[in-house]
Structures are given as C-alpha cells and as structure tokens.
PDB file of N, CA and C in Angstrom:
ATOM      1  N   UNK A   1      66.132  34.587 -64.442  1.00  0.00           N
ATOM      2  CA  UNK A   1      65.245  35.089 -65.234  1.00  0.00           C
ATOM      3  C   UNK A   1      66.305  36.072 -66.020  1.00  0.00           C
ATOM      4  N   UNK A   2      65.936  36.612 -66.919  1.00  0.00           N
ATOM      5  CA  UNK A   2      66.739  37.601 -67.724  1.00  0.00           C
ATOM      6  C   UNK A   2      65.618  38.573 -68.766  1.00  0.00           C
ATOM      7  N   UNK A   3      65.904  39.850 -68.727  1.00  0.00           N
ATOM      8  CA  UNK A   3      65.215  40.870 -69.526  1.00  0.00           C
ATOM      9  C   UNK A   3      65.547  40.365 -70.921  1.00  0.00           C
ATOM     10  N   UNK A   4      66.287  39.979 -71.553  1.00  0.00           N
ATOM     11  CA  UNK A   4      66.250  39.322 -72.972  1.00  0.00           C
ATOM     12  C   UNK A   4      67.690  38.547 -73.120  1.00  0.00           C
ATOM     13  N   UNK A   5      68.036  37.957 -74.206  1.00  0.00           N
ATOM     14  CA  UNK A   5      69.207  37.194 -74.290  1.00  0.00           C
ATOM     15  C   UNK A   5      70.412  37.971 -73.753  1.00  0.00           C
ATOM     16  N   UNK A   6      71.430  37.838 -73.088  1.00  0.00           N
ATOM     17  CA  UNK A   6      72.379  38.583 -72.702  1.00  0.00           C
ATOM     18  C   UNK A   6      72.139  39.855 -72.035  1.00  0.00           C
ATOM     19  N   UNK A   7      70.885  39.933 -71.234  1.00  0.00           N
ATOM     20  CA  UNK A   7      70.162  40.902 -70.934  1.00  0.00           C
ATOM     21  C   UNK A   7      70.380  41.149 -69.083  1.00  0.00           C
ATOM     22  N   UNK A   8      69.571  42.051 -68.783  1.00  0.00           N
ATOM     23  CA  UNK A   8      70.007  42.102 -67.197  1.00  0.00           C
ATOM     24  C   UNK A   8      69.594  40.518 -66.510  1.00  0.00           C
ATOM     25  N   UNK A   9      69.859  40.079 -65.487  1.00  0.00           N
ATOM     26  CA  UNK A   9      69.654  38.819 -65.104  1.00  0.00           C
ATOM     27  C   UNK A   9      69.157  39.054 -63.511  1.00  0.00           C
ATOM     28  N   UNK A  10      68.431  37.798 -63.254  1.00  0.00           N
ATOM     29  CA  UNK A  10      67.827  38.055 -61.614  1.00  0.00           C
ATOM     30  C   UNK A  10      67.826  36.624 -61.198  1.00  0.00           C
ATOM     31  N   UNK A  11      68.140  36.627 -60.070  1.00  0.00           N
ATOM     32  CA  UNK A  11      67.941  35.049 -59.320  1.00  0.00           C
ATOM     33  C   UNK A  11      67.231  34.823 -57.959  1.00  0.00           C
ATOM     34  N   UNK A  12      66.427  34.387 -58.003  1.00  0.00           N
ATOM     35  CA  UNK A  12      65.589  34.170 -56.949  1.00  0.00           C
ATOM     36  C   UNK A  12      65.118  32.711 -56.793  1.00  0.00           C
ATOM     37  N   UNK A  13      64.465  32.441 -55.321  1.00  0.00           N
ATOM     38  CA  UNK A  13      64.031  30.870 -55.224  1.00  0.00           C
ATOM     39  C   UNK A  13      62.506  31.546 -54.450  1.00  0.00           C
ATOM     40  N   UNK A  14      62.002  30.390 -54.988  1.00  0.00           N
ATOM     41  CA  UNK A  14      60.137  30.422 -54.728  1.00  0.00           C
ATOM     42  C   UNK A  14      59.965  29.022 -54.214  1.00  0.00           C
ATOM     43  N   UNK A  15      58.758  28.755 -53.770  1.00  0.00           N
ATOM     44  CA  UNK A  15      58.273  27.581 -53.366  1.00  0.00           C
ATOM     45  C   UNK A  15      57.032  27.160 -54.373  1.00  0.00           C
ATOM     46  N   UNK A  16      56.612  28.163 -55.441  1.00  0.00           N
ATOM     47  CA  UNK A  16      55.608  28.149 -56.553  1.00  0.00           C
ATOM     48  C   UNK A  16      56.480  29.070 -57.755  1.00  0.00           C
ATOM     49  N   UNK A  17      56.934  28.012 -58.269  1.00  0.00           N
ATOM     50  CA  UNK A  17      57.809  28.891 -59.655  1.00  0.00           C
ATOM     51  C   UNK A  17      56.657  29.273 -60.665  1.00  0.00           C
ATOM     52  N   UNK A  18      55.577  28.309 -61.125  1.00  0.00           N
ATOM     53  CA  UNK A  18      54.706  28.649 -61.964  1.00  0.00           C
ATOM     54  C   UNK A  18      54.040  30.129 -61.441  1.00  0.00           C
ATOM     55  N   UNK A  19      53.223  30.169 -60.159  1.00  0.00           N
ATOM     56  CA  UNK A  19      52.740  31.377 -59.510  1.00  0.00           C
ATOM     57  C   UNK A  19      53.833  32.610 -59.616  1.00  0.00           C
ATOM     58  N   UNK A  20      55.185  32.618 -59.196  1.00  0.00           N
ATOM     59  CA  UNK A  20      56.147  33.657 -59.067  1.00  0.00           C
ATOM     60  C   UNK A  20      56.627  34.249 -60.457  1.00  0.00           C
ATOM     61  N   UNK A  21      56.730  33.194 -61.389  1.00  0.00           N
ATOM     62  CA  UNK A  21      57.034  33.808 -62.845  1.00  0.00           C
ATOM     63  C   UNK A  21      55.772  34.697 -63.278  1.00  0.00           C
ATOM     64  N   UNK A  22      54.728  33.911 -63.319  1.00  0.00           N
ATOM     65  CA  UNK A  22      53.487  34.568 -63.661  1.00  0.00           C
ATOM     66  C   UNK A  22      53.306  36.122 -62.934  1.00  0.00           C
ATOM     67  N   UNK A  23      53.683  36.132 -62.088  1.00  0.00           N
ATOM     68  CA  UNK A  23      53.821  37.566 -61.222  1.00  0.00           C
ATOM     69  C   UNK A  23      54.864  38.504 -61.789  1.00  0.00           C
ATOM     70  N   UNK A  24      56.188  37.899 -62.048  1.00  0.00           N
ATOM     71  CA  UNK A  24      56.966  38.837 -62.811  1.00  0.00           C
ATOM     72  C   UNK A  24      56.362  39.143 -64.516  1.00  0.00           C
ATOM     73  N   UNK A  25      56.117  38.166 -65.108  1.00  0.00           N
ATOM     74  CA  UNK A  25      55.717  38.541 -66.189  1.00  0.00           C
ATOM     75  C   UNK A  25      54.701  39.668 -66.302  1.00  0.00           C
ATOM     76  N   UNK A  26      53.816  39.546 -65.814  1.00  0.00           N
ATOM     77  CA  UNK A  26      52.729  40.482 -65.752  1.00  0.00           C
ATOM     78  C   UNK A  26      52.768  41.934 -64.786  1.00  0.00           C
ATOM     79  N   UNK A  27      54.115  42.077 -64.229  1.00  0.00           N
ATOM     80  CA  UNK A  27      54.718  43.275 -63.690  1.00  0.00           C
ATOM     81  C   UNK A  27      53.705  43.301 -62.341  1.00  0.00           C
ATOM     82  N   UNK A  28      53.585  42.390 -61.573  1.00  0.00           N
ATOM     83  CA  UNK A  28      52.786  42.365 -60.278  1.00  0.00           C
ATOM     84  C   UNK A  28      53.349  42.305 -59.269  1.00  0.00           C
ATOM     85  N   UNK A  29      54.799  42.079 -59.225  1.00  0.00           N
ATOM     86  CA  UNK A  29      55.691  42.398 -58.534  1.00  0.00           C
ATOM     87  C   UNK A  29      56.757  43.653 -58.423  1.00  0.00           C
ATOM     88  N   UNK A  30      56.289  44.819 -57.566  1.00  0.00           N
ATOM     89  CA  UNK A  30      57.208  45.729 -57.606  1.00  0.00           C
ATOM     90  C   UNK A  30      58.706  45.672 -57.423  1.00  0.00           C
ATOM     91  N   UNK A  31      59.434  46.356 -58.007  1.00  0.00           N
ATOM     92  CA  UNK A  31      60.985  46.127 -57.451  1.00  0.00           C
ATOM     93  C   UNK A  31      61.842  46.178 -58.616  1.00  0.00           C
ATOM     94  N   UNK A  32      62.782  45.148 -58.676  1.00  0.00           N
ATOM     95  CA  UNK A  32      63.867  44.711 -59.647  1.00  0.00           C
ATOM     96  C   UNK A  32      63.466  44.349 -61.002  1.00  0.00           C
ATOM     97  N   UNK A  33      62.423  43.356 -61.027  1.00  0.00           N
ATOM     98  CA  UNK A  33      62.172  42.946 -61.934  1.00  0.00           C
ATOM     99  C   UNK A  33      60.991  43.462 -63.019  1.00  0.00           C
ATOM    100  N   UNK A  34      60.637  44.371 -62.115  1.00  0.00           N
ATOM    101  CA  UNK A  34      59.330  45.045 -62.928  1.00  0.00           C
ATOM    102  C   UNK A  34      59.968  46.357 -63.379  1.00  0.00           C
ATOM    103  N   UNK A  35      60.993  46.957 -62.913  1.00  0.00           N
ATOM    104  CA  UNK A  35      61.920  47.846 -63.024  1.00  0.00           C
ATOM    105  C   UNK A  35      62.608  47.704 -64.578  1.00  0.00           C
ATOM    106  N   UNK A  36      63.398  46.737 -64.448  1.00  0.00           N
ATOM    107  CA  UNK A  36      64.197  46.303 -65.645  1.00  0.00           C
ATOM    108  C   UNK A  36      63.496  45.237 -66.790  1.00  0.00           C
ATOM    109  N   UNK A  37      62.089  44.961 -66.660  1.00  0.00           N
ATOM    110  CA  UNK A  37      61.530  44.165 -67.640  1.00  0.00           C
ATOM    111  C   UNK A  37      61.770  42.854 -67.592  1.00  0.00           C
ATOM    112  N   UNK A  38      62.459  42.088 -66.543  1.00  0.00           N
ATOM    113  CA  UNK A  38      63.020  40.866 -66.297  1.00  0.00           C
ATOM    114  C   UNK A  38      61.707  40.005 -66.381  1.00  0.00           C
ATOM    115  N   UNK A  39      61.439  39.404 -67.568  1.00  0.00           N
ATOM    116  CA  UNK A  39      60.337  38.469 -67.672  1.00  0.00           C
ATOM    117  C   UNK A  39      60.815  37.184 -68.455  1.00  0.00           C
ATOM    118  N   UNK A  40      61.487  36.975 -68.638  1.00  0.00           N
ATOM    119  CA  UNK A  40      62.288  35.365 -69.539  1.00  0.00           C
ATOM    120  C   UNK A  40      62.672  34.443 -68.193  1.00  0.00           C
ATOM    121  N   UNK A  41      61.960  33.286 -68.486  1.00  0.00           N
ATOM    122  CA  UNK A  41      62.563  32.249 -67.705  1.00  0.00           C
ATOM    123  C   UNK A  41      63.681  31.515 -68.536  1.00  0.00           C
ATOM    124  N   UNK A  42      64.768  31.715 -68.073  1.00  0.00           N
ATOM    125  CA  UNK A  42      65.806  31.229 -69.137  1.00  0.00           C
ATOM    126  C   UNK A  42      66.790  30.081 -68.448  1.00  0.00           C
ATOM    127  N   UNK A  43      66.380  29.863 -67.308  1.00  0.00           N
ATOM    128  CA  UNK A  43      67.476  28.947 -66.476  1.00  0.00           C
ATOM    129  C   UNK A  43      66.224  28.688 -64.975  1.00  0.00           C
ATOM    130  N   UNK A  44      66.368  27.377 -64.613  1.00  0.00           N
ATOM    131  CA  UNK A  44      65.769  26.939 -63.302  1.00  0.00           C
ATOM    132  C   UNK A  44      66.382  25.965 -62.853  1.00  0.00           C
ATOM    133  N   UNK A  45      66.337  25.510 -61.224  1.00  0.00           N
ATOM    134  CA  UNK A  45      66.676  24.367 -60.837  1.00  0.00           C
ATOM    135  C   UNK A  45      65.784  23.931 -60.022  1.00  0.00           C
ATOM    136  N   UNK A  46      65.369  22.620 -59.523  1.00  0.00           N
ATOM    137  CA  UNK A  46      64.372  22.469 -58.635  1.00  0.00           C
ATOM    138  C   UNK A  46      65.215  21.754 -57.492  1.00  0.00           C
ATOM    139  N   UNK A  47      64.594  22.031 -56.300  1.00  0.00           N
ATOM    140  CA  UNK A  47      64.719  21.277 -55.148  1.00  0.00           C
ATOM    141  C   UNK A  47      64.003  20.979 -54.249  1.00  0.00           C
ATOM    142  N   UNK A  48      63.867  19.759 -53.409  1.00  0.00           N
ATOM    143  CA  UNK A  48      63.022  19.099 -52.785  1.00  0.00           C
ATOM    144  C   UNK A  48      62.668  20.153 -51.580  1.00  0.00           C
ATOM    145  N   UNK A  49      63.643  20.739 -50.931  1.00  0.00           N
ATOM    146  CA  UNK A  49      63.355  21.400 -49.800  1.00  0.00           C
ATOM    147  C   UNK A  49      63.675  23.021 -49.905  1.00  0.00           C
ATOM    148  N   UNK A  50      63.120  24.080 -49.689  1.00  0.00           N
ATOM    149  CA  UNK A  50      63.128  25.552 -49.829  1.00  0.00           C
ATOM    150  C   UNK A  50      64.518  26.171 -49.188  1.00  0.00           C
ATOM    151  N   UNK A  51      65.034  25.316 -47.997  1.00  0.00           N
ATOM    152  CA  UNK A  51      66.366  25.734 -47.511  1.00  0.00           C
ATOM    153  C   UNK A  51      67.459  25.504 -48.467  1.00  0.00           C
ATOM    154  N   UNK A  52      67.422  24.521 -48.985  1.00  0.00           N
ATOM    155  CA  UNK A  52      68.599  23.880 -50.127  1.00  0.00           C
ATOM    156  C   UNK A  52      68.358  25.539 -51.477  1.00  0.00           C
ATOM    157  N   UNK A  53      67.361  25.375 -51.880  1.00  0.00           N
ATOM    158  CA  UNK A  53      66.894  26.316 -52.660  1.00  0.00           C
ATOM    159  C   UNK A  53      67.292  27.626 -52.324  1.00  0.00           C
ATOM    160  N   UNK A  54      67.119  28.019 -51.272  1.00  0.00           N
ATOM    161  CA  UNK A  54      67.639  29.295 -50.909  1.00  0.00           C
ATOM    162  C   UNK A  54      69.190  29.312 -50.599  1.00  0.00           C
ATOM    163  N   UNK A  55      70.005  28.378 -50.229  1.00  0.00           N
ATOM    164  CA  UNK A  55      71.241  28.315 -50.166  1.00  0.00           C
ATOM    165  C   UNK A  55      71.789  28.290 -51.596  1.00  0.00           C
ATOM    166  N   UNK A  56      71.385  27.947 -52.676  1.00  0.00           N
ATOM    167  CA  UNK A  56      71.696  28.080 -53.729  1.00  0.00           C
ATOM    168  C   UNK A  56      71.380  29.154 -54.494  1.00  0.00           C
ATOM    169  N   UNK A  57      70.426  29.529 -54.079  1.00  0.00           N
ATOM    170  CA  UNK A  57      70.077  31.059 -54.662  1.00  0.00           C
ATOM    171  C   UNK A  57      71.120  31.778 -54.296  1.00  0.00           C
ATOM    172  N   UNK A  58      71.360  32.263 -52.659  1.00  0.00           N
ATOM    173  CA  UNK A  58      72.388  33.062 -52.222  1.00  0.00           C
ATOM    174  C   UNK A  58      73.934  32.551 -52.991  1.00  0.00           C
ATOM    175  N   UNK A  59      74.132  31.389 -52.993  1.00  0.00           N
ATOM    176  CA  UNK A  59      75.441  31.175 -53.810  1.00  0.00           C
ATOM    177  C   UNK A  59      75.823  31.722 -55.430  1.00  0.00           C
ATOM    178  N   UNK A  60      74.611  31.525 -55.833  1.00  0.00           N
ATOM    179  CA  UNK A  60      74.476  32.204 -57.236  1.00  0.00           C
ATOM    180  C   UNK A  60      74.756  33.530 -57.291  1.00  0.00           C
ATOM    181  N   UNK A  61      73.859  34.463 -56.327  1.00  0.00           N
ATOM    182  CA  UNK A  61      73.834  35.574 -56.442  1.00  0.00           C
ATOM    183  C   UNK A  61      75.083  36.184 -56.288  1.00  0.00           C
ATOM    184  N   UNK A  62      76.055  35.405 -55.570  1.00  0.00           N
ATOM    185  CA  UNK A  62      77.553  35.914 -55.270  1.00  0.00           C
ATOM    186  C   UNK A  62      78.343  35.467 -56.330  1.00  0.00           C
ATOM    187  N   UNK A  63      78.014  34.871 -57.281  1.00  0.00           N
ATOM    188  CA  UNK A  63      78.648  34.360 -58.822  1.00  0.00           C
ATOM    189  C   UNK A  63      78.794  35.557 -59.588  1.00  0.00           C
ATOM    190  N   UNK A  64      79.844  35.809 -60.710  1.00  0.00           N
ATOM    191  CA  UNK A  64      80.256  36.552 -61.272  1.00  0.00           C
ATOM    192  C   UNK A  64      79.174  36.401 -62.471  1.00  0.00           C
ATOM    193  N   UNK A  65      78.899  37.639 -63.290  1.00  0.00           N
ATOM    194  CA  UNK A  65      77.926  37.526 -64.610  1.00  0.00           C
ATOM    195  C   UNK A  65      78.309  36.416 -65.019  1.00  0.00           C
ATOM    196  N   UNK A  66      79.696  36.648 -65.557  1.00  0.00           N
ATOM    197  CA  UNK A  66      80.244  35.303 -66.738  1.00  0.00           C
ATOM    198  C   UNK A  66      79.934  34.052 -66.338  1.00  0.00           C
ATOM    199  N   UNK A  67      80.010  33.722 -64.703  1.00  0.00           N
ATOM    200  CA  UNK A  67      79.362  32.267 -64.415  1.00  0.00           C
ATOM    201  C   UNK A  67      78.080  32.126 -64.619  1.00  0.00           C
ATOM    202  N   UNK A  68      77.090  32.822 -64.342  1.00  0.00           N
ATOM    203  CA  UNK A  68      75.661  32.687 -64.349  1.00  0.00           C
ATOM    204  C   UNK A  68      75.506  32.603 -65.963  1.00  0.00           C
ATOM    205  N   UNK A  69      76.145  33.313 -66.783  1.00  0.00           N
ATOM    206  CA  UNK A  69      76.074  33.251 -68.462  1.00  0.00           C
ATOM    207  C   UNK A  69      76.200  31.984 -68.619  1.00  0.00           C
ATOM    208  N   UNK A  70      77.446  31.570 -68.270  1.00  0.00           N
ATOM    209  CA  UNK A  70      77.855  30.028 -68.673  1.00  0.00           C
ATOM    210  C   UNK A  70      76.457  29.211 -68.248  1.00  0.00           C
ATOM    211  N   UNK A  71      76.150  29.459 -67.034  1.00  0.00           N
ATOM    212  CA  UNK A  71      74.823  28.165 -66.496  1.00  0.00           C
ATOM    213  C   UNK A  71      73.877  28.031 -67.303  1.00  0.00           C
ATOM    214  N   UNK A  72      73.621  29.380 -67.911  1.00  0.00           N
ATOM    215  CA  UNK A  72      72.682  29.433 -68.622  1.00  0.00           C
ATOM    216  C   UNK A  72      72.752  28.824 -69.955  1.00  0.00           C
ATOM    217  N   UNK A  73      73.790  29.177 -70.575  1.00  0.00           N
ATOM    218  CA  UNK A  73      74.427  28.707 -71.884  1.00  0.00           C
ATOM    219  C   UNK A  73      74.507  27.103 -71.889  1.00  0.00           C
ATOM    220  N   UNK A  74      75.040  26.500 -71.051  1.00  0.00           N
ATOM    221  CA  UNK A  74      74.876  25.223 -70.934  1.00  0.00           C
ATOM    222  C   UNK A  74      73.648  24.580 -71.106  1.00  0.00           C
ATOM    223  N   UNK A  75      72.877  24.998 -70.747  1.00  0.00           N
ATOM    224  CA  UNK A  75      71.529  24.125 -70.694  1.00  0.00           C
ATOM    225  C   UNK A  75      70.454  24.982 -71.595  1.00  0.00           C
ATOM    226  N   UNK A  76      70.925  26.146 -72.100  1.00  0.00           N
ATOM    227  CA  UNK A  76      69.728  26.830 -72.799  1.00  0.00           C
ATOM    228  C   UNK A  76      70.526  27.976 -73.368  1.00  0.00           C
ATOM    229  N   UNK A  77      71.252  27.394 -74.509  1.00  0.00           N
ATOM    230  CA  UNK A  77      72.226  28.164 -75.601  1.00  0.00           C
ATOM    231  C   UNK A  77      71.332  29.227 -76.427  1.00  0.00           C
ATOM    232  N   UNK A  78      70.323  29.222 -76.569  1.00  0.00           N
ATOM    233  CA  UNK A  78      69.520  29.986 -77.344  1.00  0.00           C
ATOM    234  C   UNK A  78      68.702  31.101 -76.407  1.00  0.00           C
ATOM    235  N   UNK A  79      68.563  31.220 -75.172  1.00  0.00           N
ATOM    236  CA  UNK A  79      68.145  31.915 -74.169  1.00  0.00           C
ATOM    237  C   UNK A  79      66.615  31.869 -74.513  1.00  0.00           C
ATOM    238  N   UNK A  80      66.004  30.698 -74.940  1.00  0.00           N
ATOM    239  CA  UNK A  80      64.565  30.580 -74.827  1.00  0.00           C
ATOM    240  C   UNK A  80      63.997  30.716 -73.344  1.00  0.00           C
ATOM    241  N   UNK A  81      62.826  31.323 -73.629  1.00  0.00           N
ATOM    242  CA  UNK A  81      61.839  31.305 -72.571  1.00  0.00           C
ATOM    243  C   UNK A  81      61.017  29.945 -72.222  1.00  0.00           C
ATOM    244  N   UNK A  82      61.726  29.505 -70.838  1.00  0.00           N
ATOM    245  CA  UNK A  82      61.449  28.060 -70.302  1.00  0.00           C
ATOM    246  C   UNK A  82      59.989  28.128 -69.593  1.00  0.00           C
ATOM    247  N   UNK A  83      59.652  29.281 -69.555  1.00  0.00           N
ATOM    248  CA  UNK A  83      58.022  29.407 -68.765  1.00  0.00           C
ATOM    249  C   UNK A  83      57.051  28.086 -69.377  1.00  0.00           C
ATOM    250  N   UNK A  84      56.823  28.177 -70.651  1.00  0.00           N
ATOM    251  CA  UNK A  84      56.052  26.934 -71.112  1.00  0.00           C
ATOM    252  C   UNK A  84      56.210  25.670 -70.533  1.00  0.00           C
ATOM    253  N   UNK A  85      57.485  25.400 -70.496  1.00  0.00           N
ATOM    254  CA  UNK A  85      58.086  24.031 -70.029  1.00  0.00           C
ATOM    255  C   UNK A  85      57.697  23.556 -68.714  1.00  0.00           C
ATOM    256  N   UNK A  86      57.270  24.678 -68.047  1.00  0.00           N
ATOM    257  CA  UNK A  86      57.017  24.411 -66.421  1.00  0.00           C
ATOM    258  C   UNK A  86      55.571  24.476 -66.150  1.00  0.00           C
ATOM    259  N   UNK A  87      54.748  24.968 -66.863  1.00  0.00           N
ATOM    260  CA  UNK A  87      53.274  25.029 -66.911  1.00  0.00           C
ATOM    261  C   UNK A  87      52.421  23.869 -67.247  1.00  0.00           C
ATOM    262  N   UNK A  88      53.227  22.872 -67.914  1.00  0.00           N
ATOM    263  CA  UNK A  88      52.252  21.948 -68.657  1.00  0.00           C
ATOM    264  C   UNK A  88      52.323  20.558 -67.652  1.00  0.00           C
TER     265      UNK A  88
END
C-alpha cells in the first residue's frame, strides 16, 4: 500500500484483503497506516496459504525502498489504486 504515488509504503499480509484494505482506507486501524494516510492498494500478491504470504511479507519488508518501488512499477507504473479490482 502507498500514501500516494512514490509516497510512503506499507507491506502487510492478510487472509481477507478486501476487509483489510477497507479498514485501512477508512482509518479503522490505528497505527502506521492511519498516521501516514496509507490508503492506496498499489500492489498485491495472492497465496494459497497464509504461512507463504507471511514469509513473502517478511522478505519484502527487508528489501530496500528501491526494490519495492520497482516491484510496484513493474505491474502498476501509474500507481493506480487497485482496490476496485479486488472487490469485483
């Protein structure tokens, strides 16, 4: 997630992405995302099991910002909010 194109980034894992993004977008989750206005879903990956997702989250969190931005740009060069693509 991001606060804006090239803005503050947040990486997380969840078993219910629609619910979790809704919570972030509406400021229902206290903490980092609420404090910094991180509301745009700019990149996501789906996994069959939560353990694999948690491991991937852990790995990405340790990447440099440059690597994270490259990952976003590869699939979403315009930094569009992808939330509507997951609720359909």
